[in-house]
PDB file of N, CA and C in Angstrom:
ATOM      1  N   MET A   1      46.101  76.588  98.394  1.00  0.00           N
ATOM      2  CA  MET A   1      46.156  75.198  97.998  1.00  0.00           C
ATOM      3  C   MET A   1      44.749  74.617  97.879  1.00  0.00           C
ATOM      4  N   VAL A   2      43.875  74.994  98.781  1.00  0.00           N
ATOM      5  CA  VAL A   2      42.495  74.493  98.726  1.00  0.00           C
ATOM      6  C   VAL A   2      41.783  75.032  97.490  1.00  0.00           C
ATOM      7  N   ARG A   3      41.996  76.303  97.202  1.00  0.00           N
ATOM      8  CA  ARG A   3      41.391  76.886  96.005  1.00  0.00           C
ATOM      9  C   ARG A   3      41.871  76.162  94.752  1.00  0.00           C
ATOM     10  N   GLY A   4      43.140  75.795  94.707  1.00  0.00           N
ATOM     11  CA  GLY A   4      43.688  75.084  93.556  1.00  0.00           C
ATOM     12  C   GLY A   4      43.133  73.676  93.413  1.00  0.00           C
ATOM     13  N   ALA A   5      42.843  73.029  94.528  1.00  0.00           N
ATOM     14  CA  ALA A   5      42.322  71.660  94.495  1.00  0.00           C
ATOM     15  C   ALA A   5      40.852  71.608  94.091  1.00  0.00           C
ATOM     16  N   TRP A   6      40.062  72.541  94.613  1.00  0.00           N
ATOM     17  CA  TRP A   6      38.620  72.550  94.370  1.00  0.00           C
ATOM     18  C   TRP A   6      38.157  73.965  94.043  1.00  0.00           C
ATOM     19  N   PRO A   7      38.520  74.515  92.884  1.00  0.00           N
ATOM     20  CA  PRO A   7      38.234  75.929  92.600  1.00  0.00           C
ATOM     21  C   PRO A   7      36.750  76.310  92.628  1.00  0.00           C
ATOM     22  N   GLU A   8      35.886  75.479  92.072  1.00  0.00           N
ATOM     23  CA  GLU A   8      34.460  75.819  92.052  1.00  0.00           C
ATOM     24  C   GLU A   8      33.861  75.751  93.450  1.00  0.00           C
ATOM     25  N   ARG A   9      34.214  74.717  94.187  1.00  0.00           N
ATOM     26  CA  ARG A   9      33.701  74.600  95.553  1.00  0.00           C
ATOM     27  C   ARG A   9      34.228  75.738  96.424  1.00  0.00           C
ATOM     28  N   TYR A  10      35.484  76.082  96.254  1.00  0.00           N
ATOM     29  CA  TYR A  10      36.072  77.171  97.037  1.00  0.00           C
ATOM     30  C   TYR A  10      35.330  78.483  96.755  1.00  0.00           C
ATOM     31  N   SER A  11      35.085  78.781  95.480  1.00  0.00           N
ATOM     32  CA  SER A  11      34.367  80.014  95.119  1.00  0.00           C
ATOM     33  C   SER A  11      32.968  80.030  95.719  1.00  0.00           C
ATOM     34  N   GLY A  12      32.292  78.891  95.667  1.00  0.00           N
ATOM     35  CA  GLY A  12      30.953  78.793  96.250  1.00  0.00           C
ATOM     36  C   GLY A  12      30.981  78.956  97.758  1.00  0.00           C
ATOM     37  N   ALA A  13      31.956  78.354  98.403  1.00  0.00           N
ATOM     38  CA  ALA A  13      32.090  78.477  99.857  1.00  0.00           C
ATOM     39  C   ALA A  13      32.407  79.913 100.248  1.00  0.00           C
ATOM     40  N   GLU A  14      33.249  80.559  99.465  1.00  0.00           N
ATOM     41  CA  GLU A  14      33.597  81.958  99.730  1.00  0.00           C
ATOM     42  C   GLU A  14      32.351  82.843  99.636  1.00  0.00           C
ATOM     43  N   ARG A  15      31.550  82.635  98.599  1.00  0.00           N
ATOM     44  CA  ARG A  15      30.304  83.392  98.462  1.00  0.00           C
ATOM     45  C   ARG A  15      29.362  83.122  99.638  1.00  0.00           C
ATOM     46  N   PHE A  16      29.237  81.844 100.006  1.00  0.00           N
ATOM     47  CA  PHE A  16      28.354  81.472 101.112  1.00  0.00           C
ATOM     48  C   PHE A  16      28.766  82.170 102.404  1.00  0.00           C
ATOM     49  N   VAL A  17      30.047  82.096 102.726  1.00  0.00           N
ATOM     50  CA  VAL A  17      30.522  82.718 103.965  1.00  0.00           C
ATOM     51  C   VAL A  17      30.345  84.230 103.909  1.00  0.00           C
ATOM     52  N   ASP A  18      30.760  84.837 102.822  1.00  0.00           N
ATOM     53  CA  ASP A  18      30.678  86.292 102.714  1.00  0.00           C
ATOM     54  C   ASP A  18      29.235  86.804 102.680  1.00  0.00           C
ATOM     55  N   ASP A  19      28.343  86.068 102.030  1.00  0.00           N
ATOM     56  CA  ASP A  19      26.951  86.504 101.923  1.00  0.00           C
ATOM     57  C   ASP A  19      26.155  86.294 103.210  1.00  0.00           C
ATOM     58  N   ASN A  20      26.665  85.443 104.108  1.00  0.00           N
ATOM     59  CA  ASN A  20      25.886  85.098 105.295  1.00  0.00           C
ATOM     60  C   ASN A  20      26.512  85.529 106.611  1.00  0.00           C
ATOM     61  N   ARG A  21      27.606  86.231 106.578  1.00  0.00           N
ATOM     62  CA  ARG A  21      28.219  86.685 107.820  1.00  0.00           C
ATOM     63  C   ARG A  21      27.739  88.102 108.148  1.00  0.00           C
ATOM     64  N   ASP A  22      27.872  88.467 109.413  1.00  0.00           N
ATOM     65  CA  ASP A  22      27.598  89.850 109.791  1.00  0.00           C
ATOM     66  C   ASP A  22      28.724  90.317 110.711  1.00  0.00           C
ATOM     67  N   GLY A  23      28.692  91.549 111.093  1.00  0.00           N
ATOM     68  CA  GLY A  23      29.790  92.149 111.842  1.00  0.00           C
ATOM     69  C   GLY A  23      30.077  91.511 113.192  1.00  0.00           C
ATOM     70  N   ASP A  24      29.109  90.782 113.744  1.00  0.00           N
ATOM     71  CA  ASP A  24      29.296  90.160 115.056  1.00  0.00           C
ATOM     72  C   ASP A  24      29.874  88.753 114.974  1.00  0.00           C
ATOM     73  N   ASP A  25      29.935  88.175 113.780  1.00  0.00           N
ATOM     74  CA  ASP A  25      30.458  86.818 113.622  1.00  0.00           C
ATOM     75  C   ASP A  25      31.978  86.802 113.755  1.00  0.00           C
ATOM     76  N   LYS A  26      32.509  85.701 114.267  1.00  0.00           N
ATOM     77  CA  LYS A  26      33.968  85.571 114.364  1.00  0.00           C
ATOM     78  C   LYS A  26      34.636  85.642 112.992  1.00  0.00           C
ATOM     79  N   VAL A  27      33.961  85.139 111.963  1.00  0.00           N
ATOM     80  CA  VAL A  27      34.552  85.180 110.617  1.00  0.00           C
ATOM     81  C   VAL A  27      34.670  86.597 110.080  1.00  0.00           C
ATOM     82  N   SER A  28      33.958  87.534 110.689  1.00  0.00           N
ATOM     83  CA  SER A  28      34.048  88.926 110.262  1.00  0.00           C
ATOM     84  C   SER A  28      35.131  89.687 111.023  1.00  0.00           C
ATOM     85  N   GLY A  29      35.622  89.115 112.099  1.00  0.00           N
ATOM     86  CA  GLY A  29      36.596  89.801 112.928  1.00  0.00           C
ATOM     87  C   GLY A  29      38.019  89.730 112.413  1.00  0.00           C
ATOM     88  N   ARG A  30      38.386  88.595 111.845  1.00  0.00           N
ATOM     89  CA  ARG A  30      39.761  88.410 111.369  1.00  0.00           C
ATOM     90  C   ARG A  30      39.754  87.642 110.060  1.00  0.00           C
ATOM     91  N   GLU A  31      40.644  88.013 109.168  1.00  0.00           N
ATOM     92  CA  GLU A  31      40.737  87.340 107.864  1.00  0.00           C
ATOM     93  C   GLU A  31      41.083  85.869 108.030  1.00  0.00           C
ATOM     94  N   ALA A  32      41.922  85.537 109.003  1.00  0.00           N
ATOM     95  CA  ALA A  32      42.287  84.136 109.224  1.00  0.00           C
ATOM     96  C   ALA A  32      41.060  83.295 109.558  1.00  0.00           C
ATOM     97  N   GLU A  33      40.149  83.841 110.359  1.00  0.00           N
ATOM     98  CA  GLU A  33      38.928  83.106 110.718  1.00  0.00           C
ATOM     99  C   GLU A  33      38.033  82.932 109.495  1.00  0.00           C
ATOM    100  N   ARG A  34      37.946  83.968 108.671  1.00  0.00           N
ATOM    101  CA  ARG A  34      37.152  83.890 107.436  1.00  0.00           C
ATOM    102  C   ARG A  34      37.699  82.800 106.526  1.00  0.00           C
ATOM    103  N   LEU A  35      39.016  82.773 106.344  1.00  0.00           N
ATOM    104  CA  LEU A  35      39.622  81.765 105.467  1.00  0.00           C
ATOM    105  C   LEU A  35      39.436  80.356 106.019  1.00  0.00           C
ATOM    106  N   LYS A  36      39.552  80.185 107.326  1.00  0.00           N
ATOM    107  CA  LYS A  36      39.319  78.867 107.926  1.00  0.00           C
ATOM    108  C   LYS A  36      37.897  78.403 107.656  1.00  0.00           C
ATOM    109  N   ALA A  37      36.937  79.324 107.775  1.00  0.00           N
ATOM    110  CA  ALA A  37      35.538  78.969 107.511  1.00  0.00           C
ATOM    111  C   ALA A  37      35.341  78.568 106.052  1.00  0.00           C
ATOM    112  N   ILE A  38      35.945  79.315 105.138  1.00  0.00           N
ATOM    113  CA  ILE A  38      35.818  79.003 103.709  1.00  0.00           C
ATOM    114  C   ILE A  38      36.419  77.637 103.402  1.00  0.00           C
ATOM    115  N   ILE A  39      37.586  77.359 103.932  1.00  0.00           N
ATOM    116  CA  ILE A  39      38.240  76.073 103.688  1.00  0.00           C
ATOM    117  C   ILE A  39      37.415  74.934 104.271  1.00  0.00           C
ATOM    118  N   THR A  40      36.893  75.131 105.470  1.00  0.00           N
ATOM    119  CA  THR A  40      36.082  74.080 106.095  1.00  0.00           C
ATOM    120  C   THR A  40      34.817  73.801 105.295  1.00  0.00           C
ATOM    121  N   VAL A  41      34.132  74.858 104.843  1.00  0.00           N
ATOM    122  CA  VAL A  41      32.927  74.676 104.019  1.00  0.00           C
ATOM    123  C   VAL A  41      33.287  73.963 102.720  1.00  0.00           C
ATOM    124  N   THR A  42      34.383  74.348 102.094  1.00  0.00           N
ATOM    125  CA  THR A  42      34.815  73.715 100.842  1.00  0.00           C
ATOM    126  C   THR A  42      34.972  72.213 101.014  1.00  0.00           C
ATOM    127  N   GLY A  43      35.558  71.790 102.120  1.00  0.00           N
ATOM    128  CA  GLY A  43      35.831  70.374 102.347  1.00  0.00           C
ATOM    129  C   GLY A  43      34.656  69.545 102.805  1.00  0.00           C
ATOM    130  N   GLN A  44      33.546  70.180 103.136  1.00  0.00           N
ATOM    131  CA  GLN A  44      32.413  69.432 103.666  1.00  0.00           C
ATOM    132  C   GLN A  44      31.787  68.477 102.659  1.00  0.00           C
ATOM    133  N   PHE A  45      31.975  68.693 101.381  1.00  0.00           N
ATOM    134  CA  PHE A  45      31.392  67.798 100.379  1.00  0.00           C
ATOM    135  C   PHE A  45      32.023  66.413 100.426  1.00  0.00           C
ATOM    136  N   ASP A  46      33.318  66.358 100.732  1.00  0.00           N
ATOM    137  CA  ASP A  46      34.012  65.073 100.829  1.00  0.00           C
ATOM    138  C   ASP A  46      34.140  64.590 102.272  1.00  0.00           C
ATOM    139  N   HIS A  47      34.025  65.513 103.217  1.00  0.00           N
ATOM    140  CA  HIS A  47      34.221  65.180 104.635  1.00  0.00           C
ATOM    141  C   HIS A  47      33.132  65.838 105.480  1.00  0.00           C
ATOM    142  N   PRO A  48      31.869  65.463 105.271  1.00  0.00           N
ATOM    143  CA  PRO A  48      30.775  66.125 105.976  1.00  0.00           C
ATOM    144  C   PRO A  48      30.911  66.009 107.497  1.00  0.00           C
ATOM    145  N   GLY A  49      30.843  67.162 108.138  1.00  0.00           N
ATOM    146  CA  GLY A  49      30.905  67.200 109.589  1.00  0.00           C
ATOM    147  C   GLY A  49      32.303  67.142 110.167  1.00  0.00           C
ATOM    148  N   ASP A  50      33.310  66.953 109.336  1.00  0.00           N
ATOM    149  CA  ASP A  50      34.672  66.838 109.843  1.00  0.00           C
ATOM    150  C   ASP A  50      35.308  68.213 110.042  1.00  0.00           C
ATOM    151  N   PRO A  51      36.281  68.288 110.953  1.00  0.00           N
ATOM    152  CA  PRO A  51      36.948  69.564 111.214  1.00  0.00           C
ATOM    153  C   PRO A  51      37.961  69.917 110.127  1.00  0.00           C
ATOM    154  N   LEU A  52      38.469  71.136 110.223  1.00  0.00           N
ATOM    155  CA  LEU A  52      39.450  71.643 109.270  1.00  0.00           C
ATOM    156  C   LEU A  52      40.673  70.735 109.183  1.00  0.00           C
ATOM    157  N   SER A  53      41.101  70.166 110.294  1.00  0.00           N
ATOM    158  CA  SER A  53      42.286  69.307 110.280  1.00  0.00           C
ATOM    159  C   SER A  53      42.116  68.097 109.363  1.00  0.00           C
ATOM    160  N   ILE A  54      40.920  67.601 109.228  1.00  0.00           N
ATOM    161  CA  ILE A  54      40.658  66.478 108.326  1.00  0.00           C
ATOM    162  C   ILE A  54      40.588  66.965 106.880  1.00  0.00           C
ATOM    163  N   VAL A  55      39.968  68.119 106.668  1.00  0.00           N
ATOM    164  CA  VAL A  55      39.812  68.669 105.317  1.00  0.00           C
ATOM    165  C   VAL A  55      41.170  68.890 104.656  1.00  0.00           C
ATOM    166  N   ILE A  56      42.139  69.381 105.406  1.00  0.00           N
ATOM    167  CA  ILE A  56      43.459  69.647 104.818  1.00  0.00           C
ATOM    168  C   ILE A  56      44.483  68.582 105.178  1.00  0.00           C
ATOM    169  N   GLY A  57      44.084  67.581 105.938  1.00  0.00           N
ATOM    170  CA  GLY A  57      45.006  66.539 106.374  1.00  0.00           C
ATOM    171  C   GLY A  57      45.219  65.452 105.343  1.00  0.00           C
ATOM    172  N   ARG A  58      45.693  64.320 105.808  1.00  0.00           N
ATOM    173  CA  ARG A  58      46.080  63.200 104.943  1.00  0.00           C
ATOM    174  C   ARG A  58      44.964  62.711 104.025  1.00  0.00           C
ATOM    175  N   THR A  59      43.739  62.736 104.489  1.00  0.00           N
ATOM    176  CA  THR A  59      42.646  62.204 103.668  1.00  0.00           C
ATOM    177  C   THR A  59      41.882  63.287 102.927  1.00  0.00           C
ATOM    178  N   GLY A  60      42.269  64.537 103.094  1.00  0.00           N
ATOM    179  CA  GLY A  60      41.538  65.632 102.480  1.00  0.00           C
ATOM    180  C   GLY A  60      42.222  66.186 101.251  1.00  0.00           C
ATOM    181  N   LEU A  61      42.956  67.230 101.428  1.00  0.00           N
ATOM    182  CA  LEU A  61      43.622  67.920 100.334  1.00  0.00           C
ATOM    183  C   LEU A  61      44.540  66.973  99.568  1.00  0.00           C
ATOM    184  N   PRO A  62      44.423  66.919  98.256  1.00  0.00           N
ATOM    185  CA  PRO A  62      45.247  65.994  97.472  1.00  0.00           C
ATOM    186  C   PRO A  62      46.754  66.256  97.650  1.00  0.00           C
ATOM    187  N   ARG A  63      47.527  65.215  97.697  1.00  0.00           N
ATOM    188  CA  ARG A  63      48.974  65.301  97.883  1.00  0.00           C
ATOM    189  C   ARG A  63      49.626  66.222  96.845  1.00  0.00           C
ATOM    190  N   ALA A  64      49.110  66.215  95.625  1.00  0.00           N
ATOM    191  CA  ALA A  64      49.668  67.050  94.557  1.00  0.00           C
ATOM    192  C   ALA A  64      49.628  68.528  94.932  1.00  0.00           C
ATOM    193  N   GLN A  65      48.623  68.950  95.691  1.00  0.00           N
ATOM    194  CA  GLN A  65      48.541  70.350  96.108  1.00  0.00           C
ATOM    195  C   GLN A  65      49.687  70.703  97.055  1.00  0.00           C
ATOM    196  N   PHE A  66      50.037  69.788  97.939  1.00  0.00           N
ATOM    197  CA  PHE A  66      51.168  70.027  98.845  1.00  0.00           C
ATOM    198  C   PHE A  66      52.474  70.061  98.060  1.00  0.00           C
ATOM    199  N   GLU A  67      52.617  69.151  97.107  1.00  0.00           N
ATOM    200  CA  GLU A  67      53.853  69.055  96.342  1.00  0.00           C
ATOM    201  C   GLU A  67      54.057  70.254  95.421  1.00  0.00           C
ATOM    202  N   ALA A  68      52.976  70.876  94.967  1.00  0.00           N
ATOM    203  CA  ALA A  68      53.073  72.004  94.044  1.00  0.00           C
ATOM    204  C   ALA A  68      53.182  73.351  94.756  1.00  0.00           C
ATOM    205  N   SER A  69      52.977  73.380  96.051  1.00  0.00           N
ATOM    206  CA  SER A  69      52.941  74.632  96.788  1.00  0.00           C
ATOM    207  C   SER A  69      54.334  75.059  97.260  1.00  0.00           C
ATOM    208  N   PRO A  70      54.796  76.243  96.847  1.00  0.00           N
ATOM    209  CA  PRO A  70      56.083  76.742  97.339  1.00  0.00           C
ATOM    210  C   PRO A  70      56.083  76.933  98.859  1.00  0.00           C
ATOM    211  N   LEU A  71      54.964  77.362  99.421  1.00  0.00           N
ATOM    212  CA  LEU A  71      54.875  77.532 100.867  1.00  0.00           C
ATOM    213  C   LEU A  71      55.028  76.194 101.581  1.00  0.00           C
ATOM    214  N   SER A  72      54.391  75.174 101.047  1.00  0.00           N
ATOM    215  CA  SER A  72      54.494  73.841 101.616  1.00  0.00           C
ATOM    216  C   SER A  72      55.931  73.322 101.537  1.00  0.00           C
ATOM    217  N   ALA A  73      56.585  73.544 100.405  1.00  0.00           N
ATOM    218  CA  ALA A  73      57.979  73.119 100.241  1.00  0.00           C
ATOM    219  C   ALA A  73      58.890  73.852 101.219  1.00  0.00           C
ATOM    220  N   GLY A  74      58.651  75.135 101.414  1.00  0.00           N
ATOM    221  CA  GLY A  74      59.447  75.908 102.361  1.00  0.00           C
ATOM    222  C   GLY A  74      59.281  75.419 103.786  1.00  0.00           C
ATOM    223  N   LEU A  75      58.064  75.083 104.163  1.00  0.00           N
ATOM    224  CA  LEU A  75      57.809  74.559 105.497  1.00  0.00           C
ATOM    225  C   LEU A  75      58.492  73.203 105.687  1.00  0.00           C
ATOM    226  N   ALA A  76      58.385  72.334 104.688  1.00  0.00           N
ATOM    227  CA  ALA A  76      59.035  71.021 104.770  1.00  0.00           C
ATOM    228  C   ALA A  76      60.549  71.176 104.884  1.00  0.00           C
ATOM    229  N   ASP A  77      61.123  72.108 104.138  1.00  0.00           N
ATOM    230  CA  ASP A  77      62.563  72.352 104.205  1.00  0.00           C
ATOM    231  C   ASP A  77      62.956  72.853 105.593  1.00  0.00           C
ATOM    232  N   PHE A  78      62.188  73.785 106.133  1.00  0.00           N
ATOM    233  CA  PHE A  78      62.463  74.293 107.476  1.00  0.00           C
ATOM    234  C   PHE A  78      62.429  73.174 108.504  1.00  0.00           C
ATOM    235  N   LEU A  79      61.399  72.348 108.451  1.00  0.00           N
ATOM    236  CA  LEU A  79      61.271  71.256 109.419  1.00  0.00           C
ATOM    237  C   LEU A  79      62.387  70.230 109.275  1.00  0.00           C
ATOM    238  N   ALA A  80      62.820  69.972 108.048  1.00  0.00           N
ATOM    239  CA  ALA A  80      63.901  69.008 107.817  1.00  0.00           C
ATOM    240  C   ALA A  80      65.234  69.523 108.351  1.00  0.00           C
ATOM    241  N   ARG A  81      65.423  70.849 108.362  1.00  0.00           N
ATOM    242  CA  ARG A  81      66.680  71.441 108.813  1.00  0.00           C
ATOM    243  C   ARG A  81      66.650  71.911 110.261  1.00  0.00           C
ATOM    244  N   ALA A  82      65.543  71.732 110.938  1.00  0.00           N
ATOM    245  CA  ALA A  82      65.403  72.218 112.299  1.00  0.00           C
ATOM    246  C   ALA A  82      66.439  71.564 113.227  1.00  0.00           C
ATOM    247  N   PRO A  83      66.980  72.337 114.156  1.00  0.00           N
ATOM    248  CA  PRO A  83      68.031  71.820 115.043  1.00  0.00           C
ATOM    249  C   PRO A  83      67.618  70.581 115.840  1.00  0.00           C
ATOM    250  N   TRP A  84      66.361  70.461 116.172  1.00  0.00           N
ATOM    251  CA  TRP A  84      65.941  69.310 116.953  1.00  0.00           C
ATOM    252  C   TRP A  84      65.988  68.007 116.167  1.00  0.00           C
ATOM    253  N   ASN A  85      66.147  68.080 114.844  1.00  0.00           N
ATOM    254  CA  ASN A  85      66.268  66.865 114.033  1.00  0.00           C
ATOM    255  C   ASN A  85      67.660  66.237 114.102  1.00  0.00           C
ATOM    256  N   ASP A  86      68.649  66.976 114.637  1.00  0.00           N
ATOM    257  CA  ASP A  86      70.002  66.463 114.739  1.00  0.00           C
ATOM    258  C   ASP A  86      70.227  65.608 115.959  1.00  0.00           C
ATOM    259  N   ALA A  87      69.279  65.589 116.838  1.00  0.00           N
ATOM    260  CA  ALA A  87      69.432  64.860 118.106  1.00  0.00           C
ATOM    261  C   ALA A  87      69.447  63.373 117.929  1.00  0.00           C
TER     262      ALA A  87
END
């Protein structure tokens, strides 16, 4: 979703992270950590110094990206049907 919202920034952030990491960095240990770093760097242009939660939260990632994402729709459907919502 982040790549779709800001493709050029995402590509640049990906290059930055990949070109500057080494085997001892946390971003080199797990793909999830690498992706979190890329997403955070991508969002720094609009949210300098803010954490990942802000970059992808209400004021970060455009609403259209959430609405167009099948994964996002699946998560929303799961949460809407969760048993704890019947209480």
